[in-house]
Amino acid sequence: MIGPDGTQLGVITRDEALEQAQQLGFDLVEVAPLDKPPVCRIMDYGKFKYQQKKRTSKGHVHHGKNKEIRLRPKIGDHDFMTKANHARQFLKARDKVICSVIFRGRENAHVEEGFKLVKRLITELEDVSKVEQAPGMQGRRIVLILAPK
């Protein structure tokens, strides 16, 4: 048995351990039930559970999801800023943003317009993001992945 201050009190019966715990105003908690003899500890169980919960919540990390923003090569300035602001909100919420510039028909002949658009987006969001995957063609689209800083 282990005392409330962490000192080892030796091997005693269950009834004696419960009596000592009641005298000290603490709980008797079985720490290692598989050991021979089982190890018990005198502690404030409510305080222990609170500290354990606090410890697990401290280690909680937001696992960001992937959010996608779709752009077209001939997007207007105001529409572009709206999409950029949505991306900024996603990045502030610790989510990754996949930016796709989609080409249709004759637009495939002017891929450089899409790359200019992507570079503009990168400069617009450089204060809250870093480029995780550089812009590149994947089929008929340019794909860029931004991660929060």
N, C-alpha and C. Protein backbone atom coordinates (compact mmCIF):
# COMPACT_ATOMS: atom_id res chain seq x y z
N MET A 1 0.84 -1.18 0.00
CA MET A 1 0.00 0.00 0.00
C MET A 1 0.89 1.25 0.00
N ILE A 2 0.40 2.27 -0.69
CA ILE A 2 1.14 3.53 -0.80
C ILE A 2 0.31 4.63 -0.13
N GLY A 3 0.97 5.45 0.66
CA GLY A 3 0.31 6.52 1.39
C GLY A 3 0.00 7.71 0.50
N PRO A 4 -0.71 8.72 1.05
CA PRO A 4 -1.10 9.89 0.25
C PRO A 4 0.09 10.75 -0.19
N ASP A 5 1.21 10.65 0.53
CA ASP A 5 2.39 11.43 0.17
C ASP A 5 3.36 10.64 -0.71
N GLY A 6 3.01 9.41 -1.09
CA GLY A 6 3.83 8.59 -1.98
C GLY A 6 4.75 7.63 -1.26
N THR A 7 4.69 7.59 0.07
CA THR A 7 5.55 6.67 0.82
C THR A 7 4.91 5.29 0.86
N GLN A 8 5.76 4.27 0.87
CA GLN A 8 5.26 2.90 0.89
C GLN A 8 4.97 2.50 2.34
N LEU A 9 3.74 2.01 2.57
CA LEU A 9 3.31 1.67 3.93
C LEU A 9 3.40 0.18 4.21
N GLY A 10 3.78 -0.62 3.21
CA GLY A 10 3.94 -2.05 3.41
C GLY A 10 2.70 -2.82 3.02
N VAL A 11 2.71 -4.12 3.31
CA VAL A 11 1.59 -5.00 2.97
C VAL A 11 0.65 -5.08 4.17
N ILE A 12 -0.60 -4.65 3.97
CA ILE A 12 -1.61 -4.71 5.04
C ILE A 12 -2.91 -5.25 4.45
N THR A 13 -3.83 -5.61 5.31
CA THR A 13 -5.10 -6.17 4.83
C THR A 13 -5.98 -5.06 4.25
N ARG A 14 -6.97 -5.51 3.50
CA ARG A 14 -7.89 -4.58 2.85
C ARG A 14 -8.65 -3.74 3.87
N ASP A 15 -9.11 -4.37 4.92
CA ASP A 15 -9.88 -3.66 5.95
C ASP A 15 -9.04 -2.59 6.64
N GLU A 16 -7.78 -2.93 6.96
CA GLU A 16 -6.89 -1.95 7.59
C GLU A 16 -6.64 -0.77 6.65
N ALA A 17 -6.46 -1.07 5.37
CA ALA A 17 -6.20 -0.02 4.37
C ALA A 17 -7.41 0.91 4.26
N LEU A 18 -8.61 0.34 4.22
CA LEU A 18 -9.83 1.16 4.14
C LEU A 18 -9.97 2.03 5.38
N GLU A 19 -9.65 1.46 6.53
CA GLU A 19 -9.76 2.21 7.79
C GLU A 19 -8.77 3.38 7.81
N GLN A 20 -7.52 3.14 7.37
CA GLN A 20 -6.53 4.22 7.32
C GLN A 20 -6.96 5.32 6.36
N ALA A 21 -7.51 4.93 5.22
CA ALA A 21 -7.96 5.92 4.23
C ALA A 21 -9.08 6.78 4.80
N GLN A 22 -10.02 6.15 5.53
CA GLN A 22 -11.12 6.90 6.13
C GLN A 22 -10.61 7.85 7.21
N GLN A 23 -9.64 7.42 8.00
CA GLN A 23 -9.09 8.27 9.05
C GLN A 23 -8.42 9.51 8.45
N LEU A 24 -7.75 9.34 7.32
CA LEU A 24 -7.06 10.46 6.68
C LEU A 24 -8.01 11.30 5.82
N GLY A 25 -9.21 10.80 5.56
CA GLY A 25 -10.19 11.53 4.75
C GLY A 25 -9.96 11.40 3.26
N PHE A 26 -9.33 10.31 2.84
CA PHE A 26 -9.06 10.07 1.43
C PHE A 26 -9.76 8.80 0.96
N ASP A 27 -9.54 8.46 -0.32
CA ASP A 27 -10.11 7.24 -0.90
C ASP A 27 -9.00 6.21 -1.06
N LEU A 28 -9.39 4.94 -1.09
CA LEU A 28 -8.45 3.85 -1.34
C LEU A 28 -8.64 3.41 -2.79
N VAL A 29 -7.59 3.57 -3.60
CA VAL A 29 -7.68 3.27 -5.03
C VAL A 29 -6.71 2.15 -5.35
N GLU A 30 -7.22 1.14 -6.06
CA GLU A 30 -6.38 0.02 -6.49
C GLU A 30 -5.61 0.44 -7.74
N VAL A 31 -4.29 0.55 -7.62
CA VAL A 31 -3.45 1.06 -8.70
C VAL A 31 -3.01 -0.06 -9.64
N ALA A 32 -2.57 -1.18 -9.08
CA ALA A 32 -2.08 -2.30 -9.89
C ALA A 32 -2.78 -3.58 -9.43
N PRO A 33 -3.95 -3.89 -10.00
CA PRO A 33 -4.71 -5.05 -9.52
C PRO A 33 -4.08 -6.39 -9.91
N LEU A 34 -3.23 -6.44 -10.92
CA LEU A 34 -2.67 -7.71 -11.39
C LEU A 34 -1.44 -8.14 -10.61
N ASP A 35 -0.83 -7.24 -9.85
CA ASP A 35 0.34 -7.59 -9.06
C ASP A 35 -0.06 -8.49 -7.90
N LYS A 36 0.92 -9.26 -7.39
CA LYS A 36 0.69 -10.11 -6.22
C LYS A 36 1.56 -9.59 -5.10
N PRO A 37 1.06 -9.06 -4.03
CA PRO A 37 -0.32 -8.66 -3.76
C PRO A 37 -0.67 -7.38 -4.54
N PRO A 38 -1.96 -7.13 -4.75
CA PRO A 38 -2.38 -5.93 -5.49
C PRO A 38 -1.92 -4.65 -4.77
N VAL A 39 -1.58 -3.64 -5.55
CA VAL A 39 -1.08 -2.39 -4.98
C VAL A 39 -2.23 -1.39 -4.91
N CYS A 40 -2.42 -0.79 -3.72
CA CYS A 40 -3.45 0.22 -3.52
C CYS A 40 -2.78 1.51 -3.05
N ARG A 41 -3.47 2.61 -3.28
CA ARG A 41 -2.93 3.91 -2.90
C ARG A 41 -4.02 4.73 -2.22
N ILE A 42 -3.63 5.44 -1.18
CA ILE A 42 -4.55 6.36 -0.50
C ILE A 42 -4.42 7.71 -1.20
N MET A 43 -5.52 8.20 -1.77
CA MET A 43 -5.50 9.48 -2.49
C MET A 43 -6.89 10.08 -2.55
N ASP A 44 -6.94 11.35 -2.92
CA ASP A 44 -8.22 12.02 -3.18
C ASP A 44 -8.58 11.69 -4.63
N TYR A 45 -9.52 10.78 -4.81
CA TYR A 45 -9.83 10.28 -6.15
C TYR A 45 -10.43 11.35 -7.05
N GLY A 46 -11.25 12.23 -6.49
CA GLY A 46 -11.84 13.32 -7.28
C GLY A 46 -10.76 14.25 -7.84
N LYS A 47 -9.78 14.58 -7.00
CA LYS A 47 -8.67 15.43 -7.43
C LYS A 47 -7.85 14.72 -8.50
N PHE A 48 -7.64 13.43 -8.32
CA PHE A 48 -6.88 12.64 -9.29
C PHE A 48 -7.56 12.63 -10.65
N LYS A 49 -8.88 12.41 -10.67
CA LYS A 49 -9.63 12.40 -11.93
C LYS A 49 -9.60 13.77 -12.60
N TYR A 50 -9.70 14.83 -11.80
CA TYR A 50 -9.66 16.19 -12.34
C TYR A 50 -8.31 16.46 -13.01
N GLN A 51 -7.22 16.09 -12.33
CA GLN A 51 -5.88 16.31 -12.89
C GLN A 51 -5.67 15.47 -14.15
N GLN A 52 -6.20 14.26 -14.14
CA GLN A 52 -6.07 13.39 -15.31
C GLN A 52 -6.82 13.99 -16.50
N LYS A 53 -8.02 14.50 -16.27
CA LYS A 53 -8.81 15.13 -17.34
C LYS A 53 -8.11 16.38 -17.85
N LYS A 54 -7.55 17.16 -16.94
CA LYS A 54 -6.84 18.38 -17.31
C LYS A 54 -5.62 18.04 -18.17
N ARG A 55 -4.92 16.98 -17.80
CA ARG A 55 -3.73 16.55 -18.54
C ARG A 55 -4.09 16.11 -19.96
N THR A 56 -5.18 15.37 -20.11
CA THR A 56 -5.57 14.91 -21.45
C THR A 56 -6.10 16.05 -22.30
N SER A 57 -6.79 17.01 -21.68
CA SER A 57 -7.31 18.12 -22.48
C SER A 57 -6.18 19.06 -22.91
N LYS A 58 -5.13 19.13 -22.14
CA LYS A 58 -3.98 19.98 -22.50
C LYS A 58 -3.31 19.42 -23.75
N GLY A 59 -3.26 18.12 -23.87
CA GLY A 59 -2.61 17.50 -25.02
C GLY A 59 -3.49 17.43 -26.24
N HIS A 60 -4.71 17.94 -26.15
CA HIS A 60 -5.64 17.87 -27.27
C HIS A 60 -5.18 18.78 -28.39
N VAL A 61 -5.09 18.24 -29.59
CA VAL A 61 -4.66 19.01 -30.75
C VAL A 61 -5.76 18.97 -31.79
N HIS A 62 -5.99 20.11 -32.41
CA HIS A 62 -6.98 20.16 -33.49
C HIS A 62 -6.42 19.45 -34.70
N HIS A 63 -7.06 18.38 -35.11
CA HIS A 63 -6.64 17.67 -36.30
C HIS A 63 -7.37 18.29 -37.47
N GLY A 64 -6.65 19.09 -38.20
CA GLY A 64 -7.27 19.86 -39.28
C GLY A 64 -7.82 19.00 -40.39
N LYS A 65 -8.90 19.44 -40.92
CA LYS A 65 -9.50 18.77 -42.06
C LYS A 65 -9.02 19.48 -43.31
N ASN A 66 -9.23 18.86 -44.45
CA ASN A 66 -8.90 19.50 -45.71
C ASN A 66 -10.13 20.21 -46.25
N LYS A 67 -9.99 21.49 -46.50
CA LYS A 67 -11.06 22.28 -47.10
C LYS A 67 -10.61 22.65 -48.50
N GLU A 68 -11.54 22.67 -49.45
CA GLU A 68 -11.17 22.97 -50.83
C GLU A 68 -11.79 24.27 -51.29
N ILE A 69 -10.99 25.04 -52.02
CA ILE A 69 -11.46 26.26 -52.65
C ILE A 69 -11.24 26.09 -54.14
N ARG A 70 -12.30 26.23 -54.92
CA ARG A 70 -12.23 26.06 -56.37
C ARG A 70 -12.27 27.41 -57.04
N LEU A 71 -11.33 27.62 -57.94
CA LEU A 71 -11.24 28.87 -58.67
C LEU A 71 -11.29 28.57 -60.17
N ARG A 72 -11.66 29.57 -60.94
CA ARG A 72 -11.61 29.50 -62.41
C ARG A 72 -10.61 30.55 -62.89
N PRO A 73 -9.99 30.37 -64.04
CA PRO A 73 -8.98 31.32 -64.50
C PRO A 73 -9.51 32.73 -64.72
N LYS A 74 -10.76 32.90 -65.08
CA LYS A 74 -11.33 34.22 -65.37
C LYS A 74 -12.17 34.75 -64.21
N ILE A 75 -11.76 34.45 -62.98
CA ILE A 75 -12.52 34.88 -61.81
C ILE A 75 -12.38 36.40 -61.62
N GLY A 76 -13.44 37.04 -61.18
CA GLY A 76 -13.41 38.48 -60.92
C GLY A 76 -12.65 38.81 -59.65
N ASP A 77 -12.25 40.07 -59.51
CA ASP A 77 -11.46 40.49 -58.34
C ASP A 77 -12.23 40.30 -57.04
N HIS A 78 -13.48 40.72 -57.02
CA HIS A 78 -14.27 40.60 -55.79
C HIS A 78 -14.51 39.14 -55.43
N ASP A 79 -14.81 38.32 -56.44
CA ASP A 79 -15.01 36.89 -56.19
C ASP A 79 -13.72 36.25 -55.67
N PHE A 80 -12.59 36.67 -56.22
CA PHE A 80 -11.30 36.15 -55.76
C PHE A 80 -11.08 36.51 -54.29
N MET A 81 -11.37 37.74 -53.92
CA MET A 81 -11.17 38.16 -52.53
C MET A 81 -12.10 37.40 -51.59
N THR A 82 -13.32 37.12 -52.04
CA THR A 82 -14.25 36.33 -51.23
C THR A 82 -13.68 34.94 -50.98
N LYS A 83 -13.17 34.30 -52.04
CA LYS A 83 -12.58 32.97 -51.90
C LYS A 83 -11.35 33.02 -50.99
N ALA A 84 -10.54 34.06 -51.13
CA ALA A 84 -9.34 34.20 -50.30
C ALA A 84 -9.73 34.38 -48.83
N ASN A 85 -10.79 35.13 -48.56
CA ASN A 85 -11.24 35.31 -47.18
C ASN A 85 -11.77 34.01 -46.59
N HIS A 86 -12.45 33.21 -47.40
CA HIS A 86 -12.90 31.89 -46.93
C HIS A 86 -11.68 31.03 -46.59
N ALA A 87 -10.68 31.05 -47.45
CA ALA A 87 -9.46 30.28 -47.19
C ALA A 87 -8.79 30.76 -45.91
N ARG A 88 -8.78 32.08 -45.69
CA ARG A 88 -8.18 32.65 -44.48
C ARG A 88 -8.90 32.14 -43.23
N GLN A 89 -10.23 32.07 -43.28
CA GLN A 89 -11.01 31.57 -42.14
C GLN A 89 -10.69 30.10 -41.88
N PHE A 90 -10.58 29.30 -42.94
CA PHE A 90 -10.25 27.89 -42.78
C PHE A 90 -8.87 27.74 -42.14
N LEU A 91 -7.91 28.54 -42.60
CA LEU A 91 -6.55 28.45 -42.07
C LEU A 91 -6.50 28.90 -40.61
N LYS A 92 -7.28 29.90 -40.24
CA LYS A 92 -7.32 30.34 -38.84
C LYS A 92 -7.94 29.27 -37.95
N ALA A 93 -8.82 28.44 -38.53
CA ALA A 93 -9.43 27.34 -37.78
C ALA A 93 -8.53 26.10 -37.80
N ARG A 94 -7.27 26.27 -38.25
CA ARG A 94 -6.24 25.23 -38.28
C ARG A 94 -6.55 24.11 -39.29
N ASP A 95 -7.29 24.41 -40.35
CA ASP A 95 -7.57 23.44 -41.40
C ASP A 95 -6.64 23.70 -42.58
N LYS A 96 -6.32 22.63 -43.30
CA LYS A 96 -5.54 22.79 -44.53
C LYS A 96 -6.49 23.21 -45.64
N VAL A 97 -5.98 23.95 -46.61
CA VAL A 97 -6.79 24.43 -47.72
C VAL A 97 -6.19 23.91 -49.02
N ILE A 98 -7.02 23.23 -49.81
CA ILE A 98 -6.63 22.78 -51.14
C ILE A 98 -7.23 23.77 -52.13
N CYS A 99 -6.37 24.44 -52.87
CA CYS A 99 -6.82 25.43 -53.85
C CYS A 99 -6.72 24.80 -55.23
N SER A 100 -7.83 24.76 -55.95
CA SER A 100 -7.86 24.18 -57.28
C SER A 100 -8.28 25.23 -58.28
N VAL A 101 -7.51 25.36 -59.36
CA VAL A 101 -7.90 26.21 -60.48
C VAL A 101 -8.29 25.25 -61.60
N ILE A 102 -9.56 25.28 -61.96
CA ILE A 102 -10.10 24.30 -62.90
C ILE A 102 -10.20 24.91 -64.29
N PHE A 103 -9.70 24.19 -65.28
CA PHE A 103 -9.71 24.65 -66.67
C PHE A 103 -10.73 23.83 -67.46
N ARG A 104 -11.44 24.52 -68.36
CA ARG A 104 -12.41 23.85 -69.24
C ARG A 104 -12.15 24.28 -70.68
N GLY A 105 -12.25 23.34 -71.57
CA GLY A 105 -12.17 23.64 -73.00
C GLY A 105 -10.92 24.38 -73.40
N ARG A 106 -11.11 25.54 -74.05
CA ARG A 106 -9.98 26.33 -74.56
C ARG A 106 -9.12 26.94 -73.47
N GLU A 107 -9.62 26.98 -72.25
CA GLU A 107 -8.84 27.54 -71.15
C GLU A 107 -7.55 26.76 -70.92
N ASN A 108 -7.51 25.49 -71.33
CA ASN A 108 -6.31 24.67 -71.16
C ASN A 108 -5.12 25.25 -71.92
N ALA A 109 -5.35 26.05 -72.93
CA ALA A 109 -4.25 26.66 -73.70
C ALA A 109 -3.60 27.80 -72.93
N HIS A 110 -4.25 28.31 -71.87
CA HIS A 110 -3.73 29.45 -71.11
C HIS A 110 -3.52 29.08 -69.64
N VAL A 111 -2.74 28.04 -69.43
CA VAL A 111 -2.47 27.55 -68.08
C VAL A 111 -1.71 28.59 -67.25
N GLU A 112 -0.90 29.43 -67.92
CA GLU A 112 -0.12 30.43 -67.19
C GLU A 112 -1.01 31.40 -66.43
N GLU A 113 -2.24 31.65 -66.92
CA GLU A 113 -3.19 32.51 -66.19
C GLU A 113 -3.54 31.88 -64.84
N GLY A 114 -3.69 30.56 -64.83
CA GLY A 114 -3.99 29.85 -63.59
C GLY A 114 -2.85 29.94 -62.59
N PHE A 115 -1.61 29.81 -63.10
CA PHE A 115 -0.46 29.91 -62.20
C PHE A 115 -0.32 31.33 -61.63
N LYS A 116 -0.65 32.35 -62.42
CA LYS A 116 -0.64 33.73 -61.91
C LYS A 116 -1.67 33.89 -60.78
N LEU A 117 -2.83 33.27 -60.98
CA LEU A 117 -3.90 33.33 -59.98
C LEU A 117 -3.46 32.66 -58.67
N VAL A 118 -2.80 31.52 -58.80
CA VAL A 118 -2.34 30.78 -57.62
C VAL A 118 -1.26 31.59 -56.89
N LYS A 119 -0.34 32.20 -57.63
CA LYS A 119 0.70 33.02 -56.99
C LYS A 119 0.06 34.21 -56.25
N ARG A 120 -0.98 34.78 -56.84
CA ARG A 120 -1.69 35.88 -56.20
C ARG A 120 -2.33 35.42 -54.89
N LEU A 121 -2.90 34.22 -54.91
CA LEU A 121 -3.52 33.66 -53.70
C LEU A 121 -2.46 33.41 -52.62
N ILE A 122 -1.30 32.90 -53.02
CA ILE A 122 -0.23 32.64 -52.05
C ILE A 122 0.21 33.94 -51.38
N THR A 123 0.39 35.01 -52.17
CA THR A 123 0.81 36.28 -51.57
C THR A 123 -0.29 36.88 -50.70
N GLU A 124 -1.54 36.64 -51.07
CA GLU A 124 -2.67 37.16 -50.28
C GLU A 124 -2.75 36.49 -48.91
N LEU A 125 -2.37 35.20 -48.85
CA LEU A 125 -2.52 34.43 -47.60
C LEU A 125 -1.19 34.12 -46.92
N GLU A 126 -0.10 34.77 -47.32
CA GLU A 126 1.21 34.42 -46.77
C GLU A 126 1.34 34.73 -45.28
N ASP A 127 0.50 35.61 -44.73
CA ASP A 127 0.58 35.93 -43.31
C ASP A 127 -0.01 34.84 -42.42
N VAL A 128 -0.91 34.00 -42.95
CA VAL A 128 -1.55 32.96 -42.14
C VAL A 128 -1.26 31.55 -42.62
N SER A 129 -0.50 31.40 -43.72
CA SER A 129 -0.30 30.07 -44.27
C SER A 129 1.11 29.87 -44.78
N LYS A 130 1.42 28.60 -44.99
CA LYS A 130 2.66 28.23 -45.67
C LYS A 130 2.30 27.21 -46.74
N VAL A 131 3.06 27.17 -47.80
CA VAL A 131 2.78 26.27 -48.91
C VAL A 131 3.25 24.87 -48.53
N GLU A 132 2.31 23.94 -48.47
CA GLU A 132 2.67 22.56 -48.15
C GLU A 132 3.00 21.79 -49.43
N GLN A 133 2.23 22.04 -50.47
CA GLN A 133 2.50 21.41 -51.76
C GLN A 133 2.49 22.51 -52.81
N ALA A 134 3.58 22.63 -53.53
CA ALA A 134 3.71 23.69 -54.53
C ALA A 134 2.67 23.49 -55.63
N PRO A 135 2.27 24.57 -56.29
CA PRO A 135 1.27 24.45 -57.35
C PRO A 135 1.78 23.59 -58.50
N GLY A 136 0.92 22.69 -58.96
CA GLY A 136 1.28 21.81 -60.06
C GLY A 136 0.03 21.33 -60.77
N MET A 137 0.20 20.94 -62.01
CA MET A 137 -0.94 20.46 -62.81
C MET A 137 -1.27 19.02 -62.41
N GLN A 138 -2.55 18.77 -62.24
CA GLN A 138 -3.07 17.42 -62.03
C GLN A 138 -4.26 17.29 -62.95
N GLY A 139 -4.03 16.72 -64.12
CA GLY A 139 -5.11 16.63 -65.10
C GLY A 139 -5.42 17.99 -65.67
N ARG A 140 -6.69 18.42 -65.54
CA ARG A 140 -7.12 19.73 -66.06
C ARG A 140 -7.22 20.78 -64.96
N ARG A 141 -6.46 20.62 -63.91
CA ARG A 141 -6.51 21.58 -62.82
C ARG A 141 -5.13 21.83 -62.23
N ILE A 142 -4.96 23.01 -61.67
CA ILE A 142 -3.76 23.33 -60.91
C ILE A 142 -4.13 23.16 -59.44
N VAL A 143 -3.32 22.40 -58.71
CA VAL A 143 -3.62 22.12 -57.31
C VAL A 143 -2.50 22.67 -56.43
N LEU A 144 -2.89 23.33 -55.35
CA LEU A 144 -1.98 23.91 -54.38
C LEU A 144 -2.53 23.57 -52.99
N ILE A 145 -1.66 23.16 -52.08
CA ILE A 145 -2.11 22.88 -50.71
C ILE A 145 -1.44 23.86 -49.77
N LEU A 146 -2.26 24.57 -49.00
CA LEU A 146 -1.79 25.52 -48.00
C LEU A 146 -2.06 24.97 -46.60
N ALA A 147 -1.09 25.09 -45.72
CA ALA A 147 -1.24 24.65 -44.34
C ALA A 147 -1.15 25.87 -43.43
N PRO A 148 -1.81 25.85 -42.28
CA PRO A 148 -1.71 27.00 -41.36
C PRO A 148 -0.30 27.13 -40.80
N LYS A 149 0.11 28.35 -40.50
CA LYS A 149 1.44 28.59 -39.91
C LYS A 149 1.47 28.13 -38.49
